[in-house]
Amino acid sequence: MLVVTTDDIPGYEIRQVLGEAIGVTGRTRNPYREGVRKLHGGGNPQLVKALTRWRLDAVDQMIRHAQTLGANAVVAMRFDHRNVTDMWGEICAYGTAVVAVPVSPSAPPLSPQTRQRAAEPAPAEPAEPTETGEPTEPAELTGSS
């Protein structure tokens, strides 16, 4: 799964936008429980590793969610965090799940499942409402032009 913080992927065309993909992890704010504080009060060099692991946990969950949507990539990935209670915090990774296909020979190949999904036609645009508020049918559906 390709995950990027940009809105597009150089060398790829985004064929379908499947929706928001999110991954959330909750962590206690107790530094002793999380193993990032020593009992004698000093900081622990494992803190950076723990913070990185927690973010990666959220990203892994976001990737799993994107896969269930049928995506092969996530664009515009971001992080957010908040305190849920005085003792618990939330780390959230989120982005837009998409189906992207390579348009340049140097782009990495796609899996067979992604190739099949990318070959499916994109959903039709919703019809424009008329003055009465009723949607009009596109000409290719009604046979008129």
N, C-alpha and C. Protein backbone atom coordinates (compact mmCIF):
# COMPACT_ATOMS: atom_id res chain seq x y z
N MET A 1 0.86 -1.18 0.00
CA MET A 1 0.00 0.00 0.00
C MET A 1 0.90 1.23 0.00
N LEU A 2 0.67 2.09 -0.96
CA LEU A 2 1.41 3.33 -1.06
C LEU A 2 0.67 4.38 -0.24
N VAL A 3 1.38 5.03 0.70
CA VAL A 3 0.80 6.07 1.54
C VAL A 3 1.65 7.32 1.38
N VAL A 4 1.00 8.42 0.96
CA VAL A 4 1.72 9.67 0.77
C VAL A 4 0.99 10.82 1.45
N THR A 5 1.74 11.85 1.78
CA THR A 5 1.14 13.04 2.40
C THR A 5 0.73 14.07 1.34
N THR A 6 1.07 13.82 0.10
CA THR A 6 0.71 14.73 -0.98
C THR A 6 -0.69 14.41 -1.50
N ASP A 7 -1.26 15.33 -2.29
CA ASP A 7 -2.60 15.13 -2.83
C ASP A 7 -2.61 14.30 -4.10
N ASP A 8 -1.46 14.09 -4.69
CA ASP A 8 -1.37 13.23 -5.87
C ASP A 8 -0.10 12.40 -5.76
N ILE A 9 0.04 11.45 -6.70
CA ILE A 9 1.19 10.55 -6.68
C ILE A 9 1.88 10.67 -8.03
N PRO A 10 3.09 11.23 -8.07
CA PRO A 10 3.79 11.34 -9.36
C PRO A 10 3.92 9.97 -10.03
N GLY A 11 3.59 9.94 -11.32
CA GLY A 11 3.68 8.69 -12.08
C GLY A 11 2.41 7.85 -12.02
N TYR A 12 1.38 8.32 -11.30
CA TYR A 12 0.12 7.59 -11.16
C TYR A 12 -1.05 8.50 -11.51
N GLU A 13 -2.13 7.88 -11.94
CA GLU A 13 -3.39 8.57 -12.14
C GLU A 13 -4.37 8.01 -11.11
N ILE A 14 -5.06 8.88 -10.42
CA ILE A 14 -6.07 8.43 -9.45
C ILE A 14 -7.35 8.17 -10.23
N ARG A 15 -7.77 6.90 -10.26
CA ARG A 15 -8.96 6.50 -11.03
C ARG A 15 -10.23 6.57 -10.19
N GLN A 16 -10.11 6.27 -8.90
CA GLN A 16 -11.30 6.29 -8.03
C GLN A 16 -10.90 6.84 -6.67
N VAL A 17 -11.79 7.65 -6.11
CA VAL A 17 -11.66 8.09 -4.72
C VAL A 17 -12.68 7.28 -3.93
N LEU A 18 -12.20 6.51 -2.97
CA LEU A 18 -13.06 5.58 -2.25
C LEU A 18 -13.55 6.11 -0.91
N GLY A 19 -12.97 7.19 -0.44
CA GLY A 19 -13.41 7.78 0.82
C GLY A 19 -12.29 7.89 1.83
N GLU A 20 -12.64 8.32 3.01
CA GLU A 20 -11.67 8.53 4.08
C GLU A 20 -11.27 7.19 4.69
N ALA A 21 -9.99 7.04 4.91
CA ALA A 21 -9.47 5.88 5.64
C ALA A 21 -8.89 6.40 6.95
N ILE A 22 -9.23 5.76 8.05
CA ILE A 22 -8.73 6.20 9.35
C ILE A 22 -8.15 5.03 10.12
N GLY A 23 -7.21 5.35 10.97
CA GLY A 23 -6.64 4.39 11.91
C GLY A 23 -6.43 5.10 13.23
N VAL A 24 -6.92 4.51 14.29
CA VAL A 24 -6.86 5.15 15.61
C VAL A 24 -6.22 4.21 16.60
N THR A 25 -5.37 4.76 17.44
CA THR A 25 -4.83 4.00 18.56
C THR A 25 -4.98 4.85 19.82
N GLY A 26 -5.33 4.20 20.91
CA GLY A 26 -5.46 4.88 22.20
C GLY A 26 -4.30 4.47 23.09
N ARG A 27 -3.76 5.42 23.80
CA ARG A 27 -2.62 5.16 24.69
C ARG A 27 -2.85 5.80 26.04
N THR A 28 -2.42 5.10 27.05
CA THR A 28 -2.49 5.67 28.40
C THR A 28 -1.45 6.77 28.52
N ARG A 29 -1.75 7.75 29.34
CA ARG A 29 -0.79 8.83 29.57
C ARG A 29 0.07 8.54 30.80
N ASN A 30 0.03 7.29 31.25
CA ASN A 30 0.86 6.88 32.37
C ASN A 30 2.23 6.46 31.80
N PRO A 31 3.27 7.26 32.02
CA PRO A 31 4.56 6.96 31.41
C PRO A 31 5.19 5.67 31.93
N TYR A 32 4.87 5.27 33.16
CA TYR A 32 5.43 4.03 33.69
C TYR A 32 4.77 2.83 33.01
N ARG A 33 3.46 2.89 32.81
CA ARG A 33 2.73 1.81 32.15
C ARG A 33 3.20 1.63 30.71
N GLU A 34 3.48 2.72 30.04
CA GLU A 34 3.91 2.67 28.65
C GLU A 34 5.41 2.37 28.53
N GLY A 35 6.11 2.33 29.65
CA GLY A 35 7.53 1.97 29.62
C GLY A 35 8.45 3.06 29.10
N VAL A 36 8.04 4.31 29.23
CA VAL A 36 8.89 5.38 28.74
C VAL A 36 9.46 6.25 29.87
N ARG A 37 9.28 5.84 31.09
CA ARG A 37 9.81 6.59 32.22
C ARG A 37 10.39 5.60 33.23
N LYS A 38 11.55 5.90 33.71
CA LYS A 38 12.18 5.05 34.71
C LYS A 38 11.63 5.39 36.09
N LEU A 39 11.68 4.43 36.99
CA LEU A 39 11.14 4.66 38.34
C LEU A 39 11.93 5.72 39.09
N HIS A 40 13.19 5.96 38.77
CA HIS A 40 13.96 6.98 39.47
C HIS A 40 13.68 8.38 38.92
N GLY A 41 12.73 8.51 37.97
CA GLY A 41 12.28 9.82 37.52
C GLY A 41 12.92 10.33 36.25
N GLY A 42 13.94 9.69 35.75
CA GLY A 42 14.60 10.17 34.54
C GLY A 42 13.86 9.75 33.29
N GLY A 43 14.17 10.42 32.20
CA GLY A 43 13.59 10.06 30.92
C GLY A 43 14.19 8.75 30.43
N ASN A 44 13.51 8.12 29.53
CA ASN A 44 13.93 6.84 28.98
C ASN A 44 14.27 7.02 27.51
N PRO A 45 15.43 6.53 27.09
CA PRO A 45 15.76 6.66 25.66
C PRO A 45 14.81 5.90 24.75
N GLN A 46 13.95 5.08 25.29
CA GLN A 46 12.97 4.33 24.49
C GLN A 46 11.77 5.20 24.09
N LEU A 47 11.71 6.44 24.60
CA LEU A 47 10.56 7.31 24.34
C LEU A 47 10.35 7.52 22.84
N VAL A 48 11.40 7.86 22.10
CA VAL A 48 11.26 8.11 20.67
C VAL A 48 10.79 6.85 19.96
N LYS A 49 11.33 5.70 20.35
CA LYS A 49 10.89 4.44 19.74
C LYS A 49 9.41 4.19 20.03
N ALA A 50 8.98 4.46 21.26
CA ALA A 50 7.58 4.24 21.62
C ALA A 50 6.66 5.18 20.84
N LEU A 51 7.02 6.46 20.75
CA LEU A 51 6.20 7.41 20.01
C LEU A 51 6.09 7.02 18.54
N THR A 52 7.19 6.59 17.96
CA THR A 52 7.19 6.15 16.57
C THR A 52 6.31 4.92 16.40
N ARG A 53 6.43 3.96 17.32
CA ARG A 53 5.62 2.74 17.25
C ARG A 53 4.13 3.07 17.32
N TRP A 54 3.74 4.00 18.18
CA TRP A 54 2.33 4.36 18.32
C TRP A 54 1.80 4.98 17.03
N ARG A 55 2.58 5.84 16.41
CA ARG A 55 2.16 6.44 15.14
C ARG A 55 2.04 5.36 14.06
N LEU A 56 3.02 4.46 14.01
CA LEU A 56 2.99 3.39 13.01
C LEU A 56 1.80 2.47 13.24
N ASP A 57 1.42 2.24 14.50
CA ASP A 57 0.21 1.45 14.79
C ASP A 57 -1.02 2.10 14.16
N ALA A 58 -1.14 3.43 14.30
CA ALA A 58 -2.27 4.15 13.71
C ALA A 58 -2.23 4.07 12.19
N VAL A 59 -1.04 4.20 11.60
CA VAL A 59 -0.90 4.11 10.14
C VAL A 59 -1.27 2.70 9.67
N ASP A 60 -0.82 1.67 10.39
CA ASP A 60 -1.16 0.29 10.01
C ASP A 60 -2.68 0.07 10.02
N GLN A 61 -3.36 0.62 11.02
CA GLN A 61 -4.81 0.49 11.07
C GLN A 61 -5.47 1.24 9.91
N MET A 62 -4.93 2.41 9.56
CA MET A 62 -5.47 3.18 8.44
C MET A 62 -5.30 2.39 7.14
N ILE A 63 -4.15 1.75 6.97
CA ILE A 63 -3.90 0.94 5.77
C ILE A 63 -4.89 -0.20 5.69
N ARG A 64 -5.13 -0.89 6.81
CA ARG A 64 -6.09 -2.00 6.81
C ARG A 64 -7.49 -1.50 6.43
N HIS A 65 -7.86 -0.32 6.95
CA HIS A 65 -9.16 0.25 6.60
C HIS A 65 -9.22 0.58 5.11
N ALA A 66 -8.16 1.18 4.56
CA ALA A 66 -8.12 1.50 3.13
C ALA A 66 -8.23 0.23 2.28
N GLN A 67 -7.59 -0.84 2.71
CA GLN A 67 -7.66 -2.10 1.97
C GLN A 67 -9.08 -2.65 1.95
N THR A 68 -9.80 -2.52 3.06
CA THR A 68 -11.19 -3.00 3.09
C THR A 68 -12.07 -2.18 2.15
N LEU A 69 -11.68 -0.94 1.86
CA LEU A 69 -12.42 -0.11 0.92
C LEU A 69 -12.06 -0.44 -0.53
N GLY A 70 -10.99 -1.23 -0.73
CA GLY A 70 -10.55 -1.60 -2.07
C GLY A 70 -9.45 -0.71 -2.62
N ALA A 71 -8.81 0.06 -1.78
CA ALA A 71 -7.77 1.00 -2.22
C ALA A 71 -6.42 0.31 -2.40
N ASN A 72 -5.60 0.91 -3.25
CA ASN A 72 -4.21 0.48 -3.35
C ASN A 72 -3.27 1.60 -2.92
N ALA A 73 -3.84 2.75 -2.52
CA ALA A 73 -3.03 3.88 -2.06
C ALA A 73 -3.86 4.78 -1.16
N VAL A 74 -3.15 5.56 -0.34
CA VAL A 74 -3.78 6.59 0.48
C VAL A 74 -3.04 7.88 0.19
N VAL A 75 -3.79 8.92 -0.17
CA VAL A 75 -3.20 10.23 -0.41
C VAL A 75 -3.63 11.19 0.69
N ALA A 76 -2.88 12.28 0.82
CA ALA A 76 -3.18 13.33 1.80
C ALA A 76 -3.22 12.78 3.23
N MET A 77 -2.31 11.88 3.57
CA MET A 77 -2.27 11.29 4.91
C MET A 77 -1.82 12.32 5.93
N ARG A 78 -2.49 12.34 7.07
CA ARG A 78 -2.17 13.27 8.16
C ARG A 78 -2.28 12.52 9.49
N PHE A 79 -1.73 13.16 10.52
CA PHE A 79 -1.88 12.68 11.90
C PHE A 79 -2.66 13.71 12.70
N ASP A 80 -3.36 13.21 13.70
CA ASP A 80 -4.02 14.07 14.66
C ASP A 80 -3.93 13.37 16.01
N HIS A 81 -4.04 14.13 17.07
CA HIS A 81 -4.04 13.53 18.41
C HIS A 81 -4.89 14.40 19.32
N ARG A 82 -5.39 13.78 20.36
CA ARG A 82 -6.17 14.52 21.35
C ARG A 82 -6.16 13.75 22.65
N ASN A 83 -6.43 14.45 23.72
CA ASN A 83 -6.59 13.82 25.02
C ASN A 83 -8.05 13.39 25.13
N VAL A 84 -8.26 12.11 25.36
CA VAL A 84 -9.61 11.59 25.53
C VAL A 84 -10.06 11.83 26.97
N THR A 85 -9.18 11.51 27.91
CA THR A 85 -9.39 11.80 29.33
C THR A 85 -8.06 12.29 29.89
N ASP A 86 -8.01 12.51 31.19
CA ASP A 86 -6.74 12.90 31.80
C ASP A 86 -5.68 11.81 31.68
N MET A 87 -6.12 10.57 31.54
CA MET A 87 -5.17 9.45 31.50
C MET A 87 -5.04 8.78 30.14
N TRP A 88 -5.87 9.17 29.15
CA TRP A 88 -5.83 8.50 27.85
C TRP A 88 -5.72 9.51 26.73
N GLY A 89 -4.93 9.14 25.74
CA GLY A 89 -4.78 9.96 24.54
C GLY A 89 -5.08 9.13 23.30
N GLU A 90 -5.44 9.81 22.23
CA GLU A 90 -5.76 9.17 20.96
C GLU A 90 -4.78 9.67 19.91
N ILE A 91 -4.28 8.76 19.10
CA ILE A 91 -3.46 9.11 17.94
C ILE A 91 -4.21 8.60 16.73
N CYS A 92 -4.46 9.48 15.77
CA CYS A 92 -5.24 9.14 14.58
C CYS A 92 -4.42 9.42 13.33
N ALA A 93 -4.39 8.45 12.43
CA ALA A 93 -3.82 8.64 11.09
C ALA A 93 -5.01 8.60 10.14
N TYR A 94 -5.08 9.55 9.21
CA TYR A 94 -6.19 9.57 8.28
C TYR A 94 -5.74 10.09 6.92
N GLY A 95 -6.47 9.70 5.91
CA GLY A 95 -6.18 10.13 4.55
C GLY A 95 -7.29 9.68 3.63
N THR A 96 -7.09 9.90 2.34
CA THR A 96 -8.08 9.54 1.34
C THR A 96 -7.67 8.25 0.65
N ALA A 97 -8.53 7.24 0.74
CA ALA A 97 -8.28 5.95 0.09
C ALA A 97 -8.61 6.09 -1.39
N VAL A 98 -7.68 5.66 -2.25
CA VAL A 98 -7.85 5.80 -3.69
C VAL A 98 -7.40 4.55 -4.42
N VAL A 99 -7.85 4.43 -5.66
CA VAL A 99 -7.31 3.45 -6.60
C VAL A 99 -6.47 4.24 -7.58
N ALA A 100 -5.18 3.96 -7.61
CA ALA A 100 -4.25 4.67 -8.48
C ALA A 100 -3.61 3.68 -9.44
N VAL A 101 -3.44 4.12 -10.67
CA VAL A 101 -2.81 3.26 -11.69
C VAL A 101 -1.58 3.98 -12.24
N PRO A 102 -0.53 3.23 -12.52
CA PRO A 102 0.69 3.87 -13.03
C PRO A 102 0.47 4.40 -14.45
N VAL A 103 1.02 5.58 -14.71
CA VAL A 103 0.99 6.14 -16.06
C VAL A 103 2.39 6.25 -16.64
N SER A 104 3.39 5.89 -15.83
CA SER A 104 4.77 5.90 -16.32
C SER A 104 5.38 4.52 -16.09
N PRO A 105 6.30 4.11 -16.97
CA PRO A 105 6.90 2.78 -16.83
C PRO A 105 7.71 2.61 -15.55
N SER A 106 8.15 3.70 -14.93
CA SER A 106 8.97 3.58 -13.73
C SER A 106 8.15 3.40 -12.45
N ALA A 107 6.82 3.53 -12.55
CA ALA A 107 5.97 3.35 -11.37
C ALA A 107 5.96 1.88 -10.97
N PRO A 108 5.93 1.58 -9.65
CA PRO A 108 5.90 0.18 -9.21
C PRO A 108 4.65 -0.53 -9.72
N PRO A 109 4.72 -1.84 -9.98
CA PRO A 109 3.54 -2.58 -10.47
C PRO A 109 2.46 -2.70 -9.40
N LEU A 110 1.24 -2.93 -9.85
CA LEU A 110 0.10 -3.10 -8.95
C LEU A 110 -0.18 -4.58 -8.75
N SER A 111 -0.85 -4.91 -7.67
CA SER A 111 -1.25 -6.29 -7.41
C SER A 111 -2.38 -6.66 -8.37
N PRO A 112 -2.63 -7.97 -8.60
CA PRO A 112 -3.74 -8.37 -9.50
C PRO A 112 -5.09 -7.83 -9.06
N GLN A 113 -5.37 -7.80 -7.75
CA GLN A 113 -6.65 -7.30 -7.26
C GLN A 113 -6.80 -5.82 -7.59
N THR A 114 -5.73 -5.05 -7.43
CA THR A 114 -5.79 -3.63 -7.71
C THR A 114 -5.96 -3.38 -9.20
N ARG A 115 -5.28 -4.19 -10.05
CA ARG A 115 -5.43 -4.05 -11.49
C ARG A 115 -6.88 -4.24 -11.90
N GLN A 116 -7.54 -5.26 -11.31
CA GLN A 116 -8.94 -5.54 -11.64
C GLN A 116 -9.81 -4.36 -11.22
N ARG A 117 -9.61 -3.85 -10.01
CA ARG A 117 -10.43 -2.73 -9.51
C ARG A 117 -10.21 -1.48 -10.36
N ALA A 118 -8.95 -1.22 -10.76
CA ALA A 118 -8.65 -0.04 -11.56
C ALA A 118 -9.27 -0.12 -12.94
N ALA A 119 -9.50 -1.33 -13.45
CA ALA A 119 -10.10 -1.51 -14.78
C ALA A 119 -11.60 -1.27 -14.76
N GLU A 120 -12.23 -1.29 -13.58
CA GLU A 120 -13.66 -1.06 -13.49
C GLU A 120 -13.96 0.39 -13.85
N PRO A 121 -15.09 0.64 -14.52
CA PRO A 121 -15.42 2.03 -14.87
C PRO A 121 -15.71 2.85 -13.62
N ALA A 122 -15.39 4.13 -13.69
CA ALA A 122 -15.67 5.03 -12.58
C ALA A 122 -17.18 5.22 -12.47
N PRO A 123 -17.69 5.48 -11.24
CA PRO A 123 -19.12 5.69 -11.09
C PRO A 123 -19.57 6.92 -11.89
N ALA A 124 -20.82 6.87 -12.38
CA ALA A 124 -21.36 7.98 -13.16
C ALA A 124 -21.53 9.22 -12.29
N GLU A 125 -21.38 10.37 -12.92
CA GLU A 125 -21.61 11.64 -12.23
C GLU A 125 -23.09 11.76 -11.90
N PRO A 126 -23.45 12.35 -10.76
CA PRO A 126 -24.87 12.54 -10.47
C PRO A 126 -25.49 13.51 -11.47
N ALA A 127 -26.76 13.28 -11.78
CA ALA A 127 -27.45 14.13 -12.74
C ALA A 127 -27.69 15.51 -12.16
N GLU A 128 -27.70 16.52 -13.03
CA GLU A 128 -27.98 17.89 -12.61
C GLU A 128 -29.48 18.04 -12.35
N PRO A 129 -29.88 18.72 -11.28
CA PRO A 129 -31.32 18.92 -11.06
C PRO A 129 -31.88 19.93 -12.06
N THR A 130 -33.15 19.75 -12.41
CA THR A 130 -33.84 20.69 -13.29
C THR A 130 -34.43 21.80 -12.43
N GLU A 131 -35.16 22.72 -13.10
CA GLU A 131 -35.79 23.80 -12.35
C GLU A 131 -36.80 23.29 -11.35
N THR A 132 -37.38 22.11 -11.61
CA THR A 132 -38.36 21.54 -10.68
C THR A 132 -37.69 20.80 -9.53
N GLY A 133 -36.36 20.68 -9.61
CA GLY A 133 -35.64 19.99 -8.55
C GLY A 133 -35.42 18.53 -8.83
N GLU A 134 -36.03 18.00 -9.92
CA GLU A 134 -35.86 16.60 -10.28
C GLU A 134 -34.58 16.43 -11.07
N PRO A 135 -33.81 15.37 -10.80
CA PRO A 135 -32.59 15.17 -11.58
C PRO A 135 -32.93 14.79 -13.02
N THR A 136 -32.07 15.23 -13.94
CA THR A 136 -32.23 14.84 -15.33
C THR A 136 -31.37 13.63 -15.58
N GLU A 137 -31.80 12.77 -16.51
CA GLU A 137 -31.02 11.60 -16.86
C GLU A 137 -29.97 12.01 -17.88
N PRO A 138 -28.74 11.50 -17.77
CA PRO A 138 -27.75 11.78 -18.79
C PRO A 138 -28.23 11.27 -20.15
N ALA A 139 -27.80 11.93 -21.24
CA ALA A 139 -28.27 11.61 -22.59
C ALA A 139 -27.98 10.16 -22.95
N GLU A 140 -26.85 9.60 -22.50
CA GLU A 140 -26.53 8.22 -22.88
C GLU A 140 -27.48 7.21 -22.24
N LEU A 141 -28.18 7.58 -21.18
CA LEU A 141 -29.14 6.67 -20.55
C LEU A 141 -30.53 6.78 -21.17
N THR A 142 -30.88 7.96 -21.65
CA THR A 142 -32.22 8.15 -22.20
C THR A 142 -32.27 7.94 -23.69
N GLY A 143 -31.10 7.90 -24.35
CA GLY A 143 -31.06 7.71 -25.79
C GLY A 143 -31.20 9.01 -26.56
N SER A 144 -31.43 10.13 -25.86
CA SER A 144 -31.54 11.42 -26.54
C SER A 144 -30.21 12.13 -26.51
N SER A 145 -30.08 13.17 -27.34
CA SER A 145 -28.84 13.92 -27.32
C SER A 145 -29.09 15.40 -27.21
